[in-house]
């Protein structure tokens, strides 16, 4: 296990299929690499604290608006057989919340990547998306999965809920203005 680790993810914009994606219709979404979330985890001697724009203090005292994050962190620690691991976690996000850019999914993806990095464990894309969905189910109730798929992607996504999650090969040098 490392003493420090980070995880990153990205904001998303939906090119088309904004609302219909929840109902199984296709969508294309694009990760916005310059609008990112970075999670930094540092092992400490005692406690579990979090620092973010919405809360600063012990994870056990987080309010309900961060319930999804708390549940995800506990699940991650349990999966690594380290529920009492003392750490300090800092979330730095450039993603505006409540603007349709996938802030909660981006945070969840960065958290999962950060903890897998800390424990030096391999992480498949399917495992990453399943874990991010833990937070998204709590925060949104019926997420399509598009936000987490895009926040974790290195390419645009062609997406149909529970059916298709494909990265689209895209070369910006192919664009002509």
N, C-alpha and C. Protein backbone atom coordinates (compact mmCIF):
# COMPACT_ATOMS: atom_id res chain seq x y z
N UNK A 1 0.85 -1.18 0.00
CA UNK A 1 0.00 0.00 0.00
C UNK A 1 0.89 1.24 0.00
N UNK A 2 0.47 2.22 -0.75
CA UNK A 2 1.18 3.49 -0.80
C UNK A 2 0.82 4.36 0.40
N UNK A 3 1.59 5.40 0.63
CA UNK A 3 1.27 6.36 1.69
C UNK A 3 0.42 7.51 1.16
N UNK A 4 0.51 7.73 -0.16
CA UNK A 4 -0.26 8.79 -0.83
C UNK A 4 -0.71 8.26 -2.18
N UNK A 5 -1.86 8.74 -2.62
CA UNK A 5 -2.34 8.34 -3.95
C UNK A 5 -3.32 9.39 -4.47
N UNK A 6 -3.50 9.39 -5.77
CA UNK A 6 -4.48 10.29 -6.39
C UNK A 6 -5.35 9.52 -7.37
N UNK A 7 -6.46 10.12 -7.70
CA UNK A 7 -7.36 9.62 -8.73
C UNK A 7 -7.95 10.81 -9.44
N UNK A 8 -8.18 10.70 -10.74
CA UNK A 8 -8.75 11.81 -11.50
C UNK A 8 -9.91 11.33 -12.36
N UNK A 9 -10.68 12.29 -12.80
CA UNK A 9 -11.79 12.06 -13.72
C UNK A 9 -12.14 13.38 -14.37
N UNK A 10 -13.19 13.36 -15.19
CA UNK A 10 -13.51 14.53 -16.01
C UNK A 10 -14.99 14.88 -15.97
N UNK A 11 -15.26 16.12 -16.30
CA UNK A 11 -16.64 16.55 -16.53
C UNK A 11 -17.10 15.94 -17.86
N UNK A 12 -18.39 16.04 -18.10
CA UNK A 12 -18.91 15.54 -19.37
C UNK A 12 -19.91 16.55 -19.94
N UNK A 13 -19.99 16.51 -21.24
CA UNK A 13 -21.08 17.21 -21.92
C UNK A 13 -21.75 16.19 -22.82
N UNK A 14 -23.05 16.28 -22.92
CA UNK A 14 -23.79 15.36 -23.77
C UNK A 14 -24.01 16.04 -25.12
N UNK A 15 -23.52 15.39 -26.15
CA UNK A 15 -23.64 15.90 -27.50
C UNK A 15 -25.08 15.77 -27.99
N UNK A 16 -25.69 14.60 -27.74
CA UNK A 16 -27.12 14.44 -27.98
C UNK A 16 -27.66 13.32 -27.09
N UNK A 17 -28.96 13.35 -26.82
CA UNK A 17 -29.61 12.35 -26.00
C UNK A 17 -29.71 12.73 -24.54
N UNK A 18 -29.68 14.02 -24.24
CA UNK A 18 -29.61 14.53 -22.87
C UNK A 18 -30.56 13.85 -21.89
N UNK A 19 -31.84 13.90 -22.10
CA UNK A 19 -32.79 13.34 -21.14
C UNK A 19 -33.25 11.94 -21.51
N UNK A 20 -33.26 11.64 -22.77
CA UNK A 20 -33.79 10.35 -23.21
C UNK A 20 -32.87 9.18 -22.85
N UNK A 21 -31.61 9.45 -22.54
CA UNK A 21 -30.67 8.37 -22.21
C UNK A 21 -31.13 7.60 -20.97
N UNK A 22 -31.79 8.23 -20.04
CA UNK A 22 -32.29 7.57 -18.83
C UNK A 22 -33.34 6.51 -19.19
N UNK A 23 -34.03 6.71 -20.31
CA UNK A 23 -35.10 5.81 -20.73
C UNK A 23 -34.66 4.83 -21.82
N UNK A 24 -33.35 4.62 -21.94
CA UNK A 24 -32.84 3.62 -22.87
C UNK A 24 -32.61 4.08 -24.28
N UNK A 25 -32.68 5.37 -24.53
CA UNK A 25 -32.41 5.90 -25.87
C UNK A 25 -30.91 6.22 -25.98
N UNK A 26 -30.37 6.24 -27.20
CA UNK A 26 -28.93 6.46 -27.36
C UNK A 26 -28.50 7.90 -27.05
N UNK A 27 -27.24 8.00 -26.68
CA UNK A 27 -26.63 9.31 -26.42
C UNK A 27 -25.16 9.25 -26.80
N UNK A 28 -24.63 10.40 -27.10
CA UNK A 28 -23.18 10.56 -27.27
C UNK A 28 -22.76 11.63 -26.28
N UNK A 29 -21.73 11.32 -25.50
CA UNK A 29 -21.21 12.27 -24.52
C UNK A 29 -19.70 12.38 -24.70
N UNK A 30 -19.19 13.54 -24.33
CA UNK A 30 -17.78 13.85 -24.52
C UNK A 30 -17.15 14.24 -23.19
N UNK A 31 -16.03 13.59 -22.79
CA UNK A 31 -15.33 14.02 -21.58
C UNK A 31 -14.64 15.36 -21.83
N UNK A 32 -14.66 16.20 -20.82
CA UNK A 32 -14.03 17.52 -20.90
C UNK A 32 -12.79 17.47 -20.00
N UNK A 33 -11.65 17.21 -20.59
CA UNK A 33 -10.43 16.95 -19.83
C UNK A 33 -9.93 18.14 -19.01
N UNK A 34 -10.21 19.33 -19.46
CA UNK A 34 -9.74 20.51 -18.72
C UNK A 34 -10.62 20.84 -17.51
N UNK A 35 -11.76 20.19 -17.40
CA UNK A 35 -12.67 20.38 -16.27
C UNK A 35 -12.69 19.05 -15.51
N UNK A 36 -11.80 18.95 -14.52
CA UNK A 36 -11.58 17.65 -13.91
C UNK A 36 -11.82 17.64 -12.41
N UNK A 37 -11.77 16.45 -11.86
CA UNK A 37 -11.82 16.22 -10.42
C UNK A 37 -10.56 15.45 -10.05
N UNK A 38 -9.90 15.89 -8.99
CA UNK A 38 -8.74 15.17 -8.48
C UNK A 38 -8.99 14.84 -7.02
N UNK A 39 -8.78 13.59 -6.68
CA UNK A 39 -8.87 13.12 -5.31
C UNK A 39 -7.46 12.79 -4.86
N UNK A 40 -7.07 13.33 -3.71
CA UNK A 40 -5.77 13.02 -3.11
C UNK A 40 -6.02 12.35 -1.77
N UNK A 41 -5.40 11.20 -1.57
CA UNK A 41 -5.55 10.44 -0.33
C UNK A 41 -4.17 10.32 0.31
N UNK A 42 -4.11 10.63 1.60
CA UNK A 42 -2.86 10.55 2.35
C UNK A 42 -3.12 9.78 3.63
N UNK A 43 -2.31 8.76 3.88
CA UNK A 43 -2.44 8.02 5.13
C UNK A 43 -1.98 8.90 6.30
N UNK A 44 -2.71 8.81 7.40
CA UNK A 44 -2.39 9.57 8.61
C UNK A 44 -2.41 8.60 9.79
N UNK A 45 -2.13 9.11 10.99
CA UNK A 45 -2.03 8.20 12.14
C UNK A 45 -3.38 7.83 12.74
N UNK A 46 -4.37 8.72 12.65
CA UNK A 46 -5.67 8.42 13.25
C UNK A 46 -6.77 9.20 12.53
N UNK A 47 -7.95 8.57 12.42
CA UNK A 47 -9.12 9.25 11.86
C UNK A 47 -9.28 9.08 10.37
N UNK A 48 -10.44 9.51 9.90
CA UNK A 48 -10.76 9.53 8.48
C UNK A 48 -11.42 10.87 8.20
N UNK A 49 -10.68 11.75 7.53
CA UNK A 49 -11.20 13.09 7.28
C UNK A 49 -11.30 13.36 5.78
N UNK A 50 -12.19 14.30 5.49
CA UNK A 50 -12.40 14.69 4.10
C UNK A 50 -12.41 16.21 4.02
N UNK A 51 -11.83 16.71 2.94
CA UNK A 51 -11.82 18.14 2.66
C UNK A 51 -12.36 18.33 1.24
N UNK A 52 -13.46 19.05 1.13
CA UNK A 52 -14.02 19.34 -0.19
C UNK A 52 -14.82 20.64 -0.08
N UNK A 53 -15.39 21.07 -1.18
CA UNK A 53 -16.11 22.35 -1.17
C UNK A 53 -17.37 22.32 -0.32
N UNK A 54 -17.89 21.12 0.00
CA UNK A 54 -19.13 21.02 0.76
C UNK A 54 -18.95 20.58 2.21
N UNK A 55 -17.75 20.12 2.56
CA UNK A 55 -17.55 19.60 3.91
C UNK A 55 -16.07 19.56 4.23
N UNK A 56 -15.77 19.80 5.49
CA UNK A 56 -14.39 19.71 5.97
C UNK A 56 -14.43 19.13 7.37
N UNK A 57 -14.04 17.86 7.50
CA UNK A 57 -14.05 17.23 8.81
C UNK A 57 -14.09 15.73 8.72
N UNK A 58 -14.45 15.07 9.84
CA UNK A 58 -14.51 13.60 9.87
C UNK A 58 -15.60 13.07 8.94
N UNK A 59 -15.26 12.02 8.21
CA UNK A 59 -16.21 11.42 7.28
C UNK A 59 -17.48 10.98 8.00
N UNK A 60 -17.34 10.54 9.23
CA UNK A 60 -18.49 10.07 10.01
C UNK A 60 -19.50 11.18 10.30
N UNK A 61 -19.11 12.44 10.12
CA UNK A 61 -19.99 13.57 10.40
C UNK A 61 -20.54 14.24 9.14
N UNK A 62 -20.32 13.65 7.97
CA UNK A 62 -20.81 14.25 6.73
C UNK A 62 -22.34 14.26 6.72
N UNK A 63 -22.89 15.28 6.12
CA UNK A 63 -24.35 15.44 6.03
C UNK A 63 -24.91 14.54 4.93
N UNK A 64 -26.25 14.45 4.89
CA UNK A 64 -26.93 13.59 3.92
C UNK A 64 -26.65 13.96 2.47
N UNK A 65 -26.31 15.22 2.19
CA UNK A 65 -26.04 15.61 0.81
C UNK A 65 -24.78 14.92 0.26
N UNK A 66 -23.97 14.36 1.14
CA UNK A 66 -22.78 13.62 0.72
C UNK A 66 -22.88 12.13 1.06
N UNK A 67 -24.09 11.66 1.27
CA UNK A 67 -24.30 10.27 1.67
C UNK A 67 -23.71 9.28 0.66
N UNK A 68 -23.90 9.54 -0.62
CA UNK A 68 -23.37 8.65 -1.65
C UNK A 68 -21.86 8.51 -1.57
N UNK A 69 -21.19 9.62 -1.33
CA UNK A 69 -19.72 9.61 -1.19
C UNK A 69 -19.32 8.77 0.02
N UNK A 70 -20.01 8.99 1.15
CA UNK A 70 -19.69 8.24 2.37
C UNK A 70 -19.89 6.75 2.19
N UNK A 71 -21.00 6.36 1.57
CA UNK A 71 -21.27 4.94 1.34
C UNK A 71 -20.22 4.34 0.41
N UNK A 72 -19.86 5.06 -0.63
CA UNK A 72 -18.84 4.57 -1.57
C UNK A 72 -17.51 4.38 -0.86
N UNK A 73 -17.09 5.35 -0.07
CA UNK A 73 -15.82 5.23 0.65
C UNK A 73 -15.84 4.02 1.59
N UNK A 74 -16.92 3.87 2.34
CA UNK A 74 -17.01 2.71 3.24
C UNK A 74 -16.96 1.39 2.47
N UNK A 75 -17.64 1.34 1.34
CA UNK A 75 -17.64 0.11 0.54
C UNK A 75 -16.24 -0.17 0.00
N UNK A 76 -15.55 0.87 -0.47
CA UNK A 76 -14.19 0.68 -0.96
C UNK A 76 -13.28 0.15 0.14
N UNK A 77 -13.33 0.78 1.31
CA UNK A 77 -12.49 0.34 2.43
C UNK A 77 -12.81 -1.09 2.84
N UNK A 78 -14.07 -1.43 2.85
CA UNK A 78 -14.48 -2.80 3.19
C UNK A 78 -13.94 -3.79 2.16
N UNK A 79 -13.99 -3.42 0.88
CA UNK A 79 -13.51 -4.33 -0.17
C UNK A 79 -12.01 -4.57 -0.07
N UNK A 80 -11.29 -3.64 0.54
CA UNK A 80 -9.85 -3.80 0.75
C UNK A 80 -9.53 -4.31 2.16
N UNK A 81 -10.57 -4.76 2.88
CA UNK A 81 -10.42 -5.26 4.25
C UNK A 81 -9.71 -4.25 5.16
N UNK A 82 -10.03 -2.97 4.98
CA UNK A 82 -9.41 -1.90 5.77
C UNK A 82 -10.44 -0.85 6.20
N UNK A 83 -11.54 -1.26 6.85
CA UNK A 83 -12.60 -0.30 7.18
C UNK A 83 -12.16 0.82 8.12
N UNK A 84 -11.12 0.59 8.90
CA UNK A 84 -10.66 1.60 9.86
C UNK A 84 -9.38 2.29 9.44
N UNK A 85 -9.00 2.16 8.19
CA UNK A 85 -7.78 2.79 7.69
C UNK A 85 -7.81 4.29 7.96
N UNK A 86 -6.81 4.84 8.64
CA UNK A 86 -6.79 6.29 8.88
C UNK A 86 -6.23 7.04 7.65
N UNK A 87 -6.98 8.01 7.18
CA UNK A 87 -6.55 8.77 6.01
C UNK A 87 -7.16 10.16 6.01
N UNK A 88 -6.56 11.00 5.20
CA UNK A 88 -7.08 12.33 4.91
C UNK A 88 -7.33 12.37 3.41
N UNK A 89 -8.52 12.76 3.02
CA UNK A 89 -8.92 12.76 1.62
C UNK A 89 -9.30 14.18 1.21
N UNK A 90 -8.73 14.63 0.12
CA UNK A 90 -9.04 15.97 -0.40
C UNK A 90 -9.60 15.83 -1.80
N UNK A 91 -10.76 16.45 -2.02
CA UNK A 91 -11.39 16.45 -3.33
C UNK A 91 -11.31 17.86 -3.90
N UNK A 92 -10.64 17.99 -5.03
CA UNK A 92 -10.58 19.27 -5.72
C UNK A 92 -11.30 19.11 -7.04
N UNK A 93 -12.36 19.88 -7.21
CA UNK A 93 -13.19 19.74 -8.40
C UNK A 93 -13.33 21.05 -9.15
N UNK A 94 -13.11 20.98 -10.44
CA UNK A 94 -13.38 22.11 -11.33
C UNK A 94 -14.76 21.98 -11.96
N UNK A 95 -15.44 20.85 -11.69
CA UNK A 95 -16.74 20.58 -12.29
C UNK A 95 -17.83 21.30 -11.49
N UNK A 96 -18.57 22.18 -12.13
CA UNK A 96 -19.66 22.84 -11.40
C UNK A 96 -20.77 21.85 -11.07
N UNK A 97 -21.28 21.95 -9.86
CA UNK A 97 -22.36 21.02 -9.48
C UNK A 97 -23.69 21.53 -9.99
N UNK A 98 -24.60 20.60 -10.18
CA UNK A 98 -25.97 20.88 -10.61
C UNK A 98 -26.05 21.66 -11.92
N UNK A 99 -25.13 21.36 -12.84
CA UNK A 99 -25.12 22.01 -14.15
C UNK A 99 -25.14 20.99 -15.28
N UNK A 100 -25.38 19.71 -14.94
CA UNK A 100 -25.45 18.68 -15.96
C UNK A 100 -24.12 18.24 -16.52
N UNK A 101 -23.04 18.49 -15.80
CA UNK A 101 -21.71 18.12 -16.28
C UNK A 101 -21.15 16.89 -15.57
N UNK A 102 -21.98 16.22 -14.77
CA UNK A 102 -21.57 14.96 -14.16
C UNK A 102 -20.69 15.08 -12.94
N UNK A 103 -20.91 16.10 -12.13
CA UNK A 103 -20.07 16.34 -10.96
C UNK A 103 -20.03 15.16 -10.00
N UNK A 104 -21.17 14.59 -9.66
CA UNK A 104 -21.17 13.49 -8.70
C UNK A 104 -20.50 12.24 -9.28
N UNK A 105 -20.75 11.94 -10.53
CA UNK A 105 -20.12 10.78 -11.16
C UNK A 105 -18.61 10.98 -11.27
N UNK A 106 -18.20 12.18 -11.64
CA UNK A 106 -16.77 12.46 -11.74
C UNK A 106 -16.08 12.30 -10.39
N UNK A 107 -16.75 12.74 -9.33
CA UNK A 107 -16.20 12.58 -7.99
C UNK A 107 -16.11 11.10 -7.63
N UNK A 108 -17.15 10.35 -7.92
CA UNK A 108 -17.14 8.91 -7.63
C UNK A 108 -16.03 8.19 -8.39
N UNK A 109 -15.87 8.50 -9.66
CA UNK A 109 -14.82 7.87 -10.47
C UNK A 109 -13.44 8.20 -9.90
N UNK A 110 -13.21 9.46 -9.56
CA UNK A 110 -11.92 9.86 -9.01
C UNK A 110 -11.65 9.17 -7.67
N UNK A 111 -12.69 9.03 -6.83
CA UNK A 111 -12.54 8.33 -5.55
C UNK A 111 -12.14 6.87 -5.76
N UNK A 112 -12.84 6.18 -6.64
CA UNK A 112 -12.53 4.78 -6.90
C UNK A 112 -11.10 4.65 -7.41
N UNK A 113 -10.74 5.47 -8.37
CA UNK A 113 -9.37 5.41 -8.90
C UNK A 113 -8.34 5.71 -7.82
N UNK A 114 -8.63 6.69 -6.97
CA UNK A 114 -7.71 7.04 -5.90
C UNK A 114 -7.48 5.90 -4.92
N UNK A 115 -8.55 5.25 -4.49
CA UNK A 115 -8.40 4.15 -3.53
C UNK A 115 -7.73 2.93 -4.16
N UNK A 116 -8.05 2.61 -5.41
CA UNK A 116 -7.38 1.50 -6.06
C UNK A 116 -5.89 1.81 -6.23
N UNK A 117 -5.56 3.05 -6.52
CA UNK A 117 -4.18 3.48 -6.62
C UNK A 117 -3.49 3.34 -5.26
N UNK A 118 -4.15 3.78 -4.19
CA UNK A 118 -3.59 3.70 -2.83
C UNK A 118 -3.27 2.26 -2.46
N UNK A 119 -4.19 1.35 -2.75
CA UNK A 119 -4.00 -0.05 -2.40
C UNK A 119 -3.22 -0.83 -3.46
N UNK A 120 -2.83 -0.12 -4.53
CA UNK A 120 -2.02 -0.70 -5.61
C UNK A 120 -2.68 -1.95 -6.20
N UNK A 121 -3.96 -1.82 -6.49
CA UNK A 121 -4.73 -2.90 -7.06
C UNK A 121 -5.15 -2.56 -8.48
N UNK A 122 -5.20 -3.55 -9.38
CA UNK A 122 -5.67 -3.28 -10.74
C UNK A 122 -7.16 -2.98 -10.73
N UNK A 123 -7.57 -2.16 -11.66
CA UNK A 123 -8.97 -1.74 -11.74
C UNK A 123 -9.45 -1.85 -13.18
N UNK A 124 -10.42 -2.71 -13.40
CA UNK A 124 -11.00 -2.82 -14.73
C UNK A 124 -12.05 -1.72 -14.91
N UNK A 125 -12.36 -1.42 -16.14
CA UNK A 125 -13.38 -0.41 -16.43
C UNK A 125 -14.74 -0.85 -15.88
N UNK A 126 -15.07 -2.11 -16.03
CA UNK A 126 -16.38 -2.57 -15.53
C UNK A 126 -16.46 -2.46 -14.01
N UNK A 127 -15.39 -2.78 -13.31
CA UNK A 127 -15.38 -2.65 -11.84
C UNK A 127 -15.48 -1.17 -11.45
N UNK A 128 -14.75 -0.32 -12.14
CA UNK A 128 -14.81 1.12 -11.88
C UNK A 128 -16.23 1.64 -12.01
N UNK A 129 -16.90 1.27 -13.10
CA UNK A 129 -18.26 1.77 -13.33
C UNK A 129 -19.25 1.19 -12.33
N UNK A 130 -19.07 -0.06 -11.94
CA UNK A 130 -19.96 -0.66 -10.93
C UNK A 130 -19.81 0.04 -9.59
N UNK A 131 -18.59 0.35 -9.20
CA UNK A 131 -18.37 1.04 -7.92
C UNK A 131 -18.87 2.49 -7.98
N UNK A 132 -18.62 3.19 -9.07
CA UNK A 132 -19.12 4.56 -9.20
C UNK A 132 -20.64 4.58 -9.13
N UNK A 133 -21.26 3.53 -9.64
CA UNK A 133 -22.72 3.44 -9.62
C UNK A 133 -23.28 3.35 -8.20
N UNK A 134 -22.49 2.87 -7.25
CA UNK A 134 -22.91 2.84 -5.84
C UNK A 134 -23.28 4.26 -5.40
N UNK A 135 -22.40 5.19 -5.68
CA UNK A 135 -22.65 6.60 -5.32
C UNK A 135 -23.78 7.18 -6.15
N UNK A 136 -23.78 6.92 -7.43
CA UNK A 136 -24.78 7.50 -8.33
C UNK A 136 -26.20 7.03 -8.00
N UNK A 137 -26.36 5.77 -7.60
CA UNK A 137 -27.68 5.26 -7.21
C UNK A 137 -28.23 6.03 -6.01
N UNK A 138 -27.37 6.33 -5.06
CA UNK A 138 -27.79 7.06 -3.87
C UNK A 138 -28.10 8.52 -4.21
N UNK A 139 -27.25 9.12 -5.00
CA UNK A 139 -27.40 10.54 -5.32
C UNK A 139 -28.54 10.80 -6.30
N UNK A 140 -28.73 9.92 -7.29
CA UNK A 140 -29.69 10.19 -8.37
C UNK A 140 -30.85 9.20 -8.47
N UNK A 141 -30.78 8.09 -7.77
CA UNK A 141 -31.89 7.15 -7.79
C UNK A 141 -31.92 6.25 -9.00
N UNK A 142 -31.98 6.80 -10.20
CA UNK A 142 -32.06 6.01 -11.42
C UNK A 142 -31.10 6.58 -12.48
N UNK A 143 -29.80 6.52 -12.19
CA UNK A 143 -28.87 7.08 -13.18
C UNK A 143 -28.77 6.18 -14.41
N UNK A 144 -28.46 6.79 -15.53
CA UNK A 144 -28.31 6.00 -16.76
C UNK A 144 -26.96 5.28 -16.78
N UNK A 145 -25.96 5.84 -16.12
CA UNK A 145 -24.60 5.32 -16.18
C UNK A 145 -23.73 6.10 -17.14
N UNK A 146 -24.36 6.98 -17.93
CA UNK A 146 -23.60 7.76 -18.91
C UNK A 146 -22.59 8.68 -18.26
N UNK A 147 -22.95 9.32 -17.16
CA UNK A 147 -22.03 10.27 -16.53
C UNK A 147 -20.74 9.59 -16.10
N UNK A 148 -20.84 8.46 -15.40
CA UNK A 148 -19.64 7.76 -14.94
C UNK A 148 -18.85 7.20 -16.12
N UNK A 149 -19.56 6.69 -17.13
CA UNK A 149 -18.87 6.16 -18.31
C UNK A 149 -18.05 7.25 -18.99
N UNK A 150 -18.60 8.45 -19.06
CA UNK A 150 -17.89 9.55 -19.71
C UNK A 150 -16.81 10.13 -18.82
N UNK A 151 -17.10 10.28 -17.53
CA UNK A 151 -16.12 10.83 -16.58
C UNK A 151 -14.87 9.97 -16.50
N UNK A 152 -14.99 8.70 -16.84
CA UNK A 152 -13.86 7.77 -16.76
C UNK A 152 -13.22 7.48 -18.11
N UNK A 153 -13.70 8.12 -19.15
CA UNK A 153 -13.28 7.78 -20.50
C UNK A 153 -12.17 8.67 -21.04
N UNK A 154 -11.43 8.10 -21.94
CA UNK A 154 -10.39 8.86 -22.65
C UNK A 154 -10.87 9.23 -24.06
N UNK A 155 -12.15 8.99 -24.32
CA UNK A 155 -12.71 9.27 -25.64
C UNK A 155 -14.21 9.53 -25.50
N UNK A 156 -14.84 10.12 -26.52
CA UNK A 156 -16.29 10.25 -26.50
C UNK A 156 -16.95 8.87 -26.36
N UNK A 157 -18.17 8.86 -25.87
CA UNK A 157 -18.90 7.63 -25.57
C UNK A 157 -20.19 7.56 -26.39
N UNK A 158 -20.42 6.40 -27.00
CA UNK A 158 -21.72 6.05 -27.60
C UNK A 158 -22.37 5.17 -26.55
N UNK A 159 -23.56 5.56 -26.07
CA UNK A 159 -24.12 4.93 -24.89
C UNK A 159 -25.62 4.67 -25.04
N UNK A 160 -26.03 3.46 -24.66
CA UNK A 160 -27.44 3.12 -24.49
C UNK A 160 -27.51 2.39 -23.15
N UNK A 161 -28.35 2.87 -22.26
CA UNK A 161 -28.43 2.34 -20.90
C UNK A 161 -28.57 0.82 -20.90
N UNK A 162 -27.71 0.18 -20.11
CA UNK A 162 -27.70 -1.28 -19.92
C UNK A 162 -27.46 -2.08 -21.21
N UNK A 163 -26.99 -1.42 -22.28
CA UNK A 163 -26.77 -2.12 -23.55
C UNK A 163 -25.43 -1.80 -24.19
N UNK A 164 -25.18 -0.53 -24.42
CA UNK A 164 -23.98 -0.13 -25.16
C UNK A 164 -23.21 0.93 -24.37
N UNK A 165 -21.90 0.71 -24.27
CA UNK A 165 -21.00 1.68 -23.64
C UNK A 165 -19.68 1.58 -24.40
N UNK A 166 -19.63 2.27 -25.53
CA UNK A 166 -18.47 2.16 -26.41
C UNK A 166 -17.74 3.49 -26.51
N UNK A 167 -16.43 3.41 -26.42
CA UNK A 167 -15.64 4.60 -26.67
C UNK A 167 -15.51 4.78 -28.17
N UNK A 168 -15.68 6.01 -28.62
CA UNK A 168 -15.64 6.33 -30.03
C UNK A 168 -14.27 6.87 -30.37
N UNK A 169 -13.62 6.26 -31.33
CA UNK A 169 -12.32 6.78 -31.74
C UNK A 169 -12.51 8.17 -32.35
N UNK A 170 -11.70 9.09 -31.90
CA UNK A 170 -11.90 10.49 -32.28
C UNK A 170 -10.54 11.16 -32.36
N UNK A 171 -10.28 11.79 -33.46
CA UNK A 171 -9.01 12.50 -33.64
C UNK A 171 -9.31 13.95 -33.96
N UNK A 172 -8.93 14.83 -33.07
CA UNK A 172 -9.24 16.25 -33.28
C UNK A 172 -8.54 16.79 -34.52
N UNK A 173 -7.45 16.16 -34.97
CA UNK A 173 -6.78 16.61 -36.17
C UNK A 173 -7.63 16.37 -37.43
N UNK A 174 -8.68 15.53 -37.27
CA UNK A 174 -9.57 15.27 -38.40
C UNK A 174 -10.61 16.39 -38.61
N UNK A 175 -10.69 17.30 -37.66
CA UNK A 175 -11.69 18.38 -37.76
C UNK A 175 -11.19 19.49 -38.68
N UNK A 176 -12.09 20.04 -39.45
CA UNK A 176 -11.77 21.16 -40.31
C UNK A 176 -12.68 22.32 -39.95
N UNK A 177 -12.16 23.49 -39.87
CA UNK A 177 -12.96 24.68 -39.51
C UNK A 177 -13.06 25.62 -40.66
